[in-house]
Protein backbone atom coordinates (compact mmCIF):
# COMPACT_ATOMS: atom_id res chain seq x y z
CA MET A 1 -10.66 -0.20 -16.97
CA THR A 2 -8.76 0.84 -13.84
CA GLN A 3 -7.58 4.06 -15.23
CA GLU A 4 -11.25 5.09 -16.14
CA ASP A 5 -12.54 4.06 -12.83
CA LEU A 6 -9.79 6.06 -11.06
CA ASP A 7 -10.54 9.13 -13.17
CA ALA A 8 -14.15 8.97 -12.44
CA ALA A 9 -13.77 8.53 -8.68
CA VAL A 10 -11.50 11.56 -8.70
CA GLU A 11 -14.34 13.53 -10.42
CA LYS A 12 -17.12 12.42 -8.02
CA VAL A 13 -15.01 12.85 -4.80
CA ARG A 14 -14.20 16.35 -5.96
CA GLU A 15 -17.85 17.09 -6.65
CA ALA A 16 -18.79 15.57 -3.15
CA ALA A 17 -16.32 17.72 -1.67
CA GLU A 18 -17.78 20.92 -3.45
CA HIS A 19 -21.18 20.09 -2.16
CA ALA A 20 -20.15 19.05 1.43
CA HIS A 21 -21.45 21.70 3.95
CA GLU A 22 -18.78 20.87 6.57
CA ASP A 23 -15.23 21.79 6.44
CA ARG A 24 -13.66 18.66 7.74
CA PRO A 25 -15.39 16.07 5.37
CA ALA A 26 -14.76 18.44 2.34
CA GLU A 27 -10.87 18.80 3.33
CA GLU A 28 -10.69 15.06 3.80
CA LEU A 29 -12.48 14.41 0.44
CA GLY A 30 -9.99 16.76 -1.18
CA LYS A 31 -6.96 14.91 0.06
CA ILE A 32 -8.43 11.52 -1.07
CA ALA A 33 -9.24 13.32 -4.61
CA ASP A 34 -5.62 14.36 -4.66
CA ASP A 35 -4.32 10.97 -3.87
CA LEU A 36 -6.56 8.97 -6.07
CA GLN A 37 -5.34 11.44 -8.77
CA GLU A 38 -1.85 10.61 -8.13
CA LEU A 39 -2.70 6.89 -8.38
CA ALA A 40 -4.51 7.62 -11.56
CA SER A 41 -1.36 9.40 -13.08
CA SER A 42 1.05 6.54 -12.06
CA HIS A 43 2.04 3.98 -14.54
CA ASP A 44 2.15 1.50 -11.89
CA SER A 45 -0.95 -0.55 -10.71
CA PRO A 46 -2.73 1.21 -7.85
CA ASP A 47 -1.56 0.27 -4.26
CA GLU A 48 -4.10 -2.00 -2.90
CA LYS A 49 -3.65 -0.78 0.82
CA ARG A 50 -4.32 2.83 -0.37
CA ILE A 51 -7.24 1.83 -2.41
CA ARG A 52 -8.69 -0.14 0.51
CA GLY A 53 -8.13 2.62 2.97
CA HIS A 54 -9.75 5.28 0.53
CA HIS A 55 -12.80 2.94 0.17
CA TYR A 56 -13.09 2.73 3.85
CA THR A 57 -12.73 6.44 4.68
CA LEU A 58 -15.25 7.23 1.78
CA ARG A 59 -17.78 5.02 3.19
CA GLU A 60 -17.08 6.47 6.81
CA LEU A 61 -17.62 10.02 5.49
CA HIS A 62 -20.86 9.12 3.64
CA GLY A 63 -22.83 9.37 6.85
CA GLU A 64 -21.31 12.73 7.54
CA LEU A 65 -22.39 14.40 4.36
CA ASN A 66 -25.53 16.16 3.20
CA GLU A 67 -27.68 14.56 0.51
CA ASP A 68 -26.25 16.50 -2.45
CA ALA A 69 -22.66 15.54 -1.48
CA ARG A 70 -23.82 11.87 -0.76
CA VAL A 71 -25.08 11.36 -4.25
CA HIS A 72 -21.79 12.18 -5.74
CA LEU A 73 -19.88 10.13 -3.14
CA GLU A 74 -21.96 7.02 -3.78
CA ASP A 75 -21.06 7.09 -7.42
CA ALA A 76 -17.33 7.76 -6.20
CA ILE A 77 -17.56 4.60 -3.95
CA GLY A 78 -18.79 2.37 -6.80
CA HIS A 79 -15.71 3.45 -8.93
CA VAL A 80 -13.31 2.72 -6.12
CA GLU A 81 -15.02 -0.75 -5.54
CA SER A 82 -14.50 -1.39 -9.21
CA VAL A 83 -10.69 -0.59 -8.97
CA LYS A 84 -10.52 -2.71 -5.68
CA ASP A 85 -12.12 -5.51 -7.84
CA LYS A 86 -9.56 -5.03 -10.60
CA VAL A 87 -6.53 -4.85 -8.38
CA GLY A 88 -7.39 -8.16 -6.44
CA ILE A 89 -8.91 -6.98 -3.42
CA GLY A 90 -12.66 -7.64 -3.97
CA GLY A 91 -15.37 -7.72 -1.41
CA SER A 92 -16.65 -4.81 0.76
């Protein structure tokens, strides 16, 4: 379910932000978590462009994070990919 995947993604992105040692990635992850939370709270279907953009940014940030943060981010990326598939984007 899209709602469950968005909620799980928010949780995992926030956990990744908490474990990030660098300020910039932590701040960026916090912004993404807030936006995903907004999407999860909406009664409308998630915006495909926003989901795609967040997916791209999360993948880019992955390389900037320490191992502890990466573990959480990998889970978040999986949930965002699931949302992408469900809203018709598919692929990577």
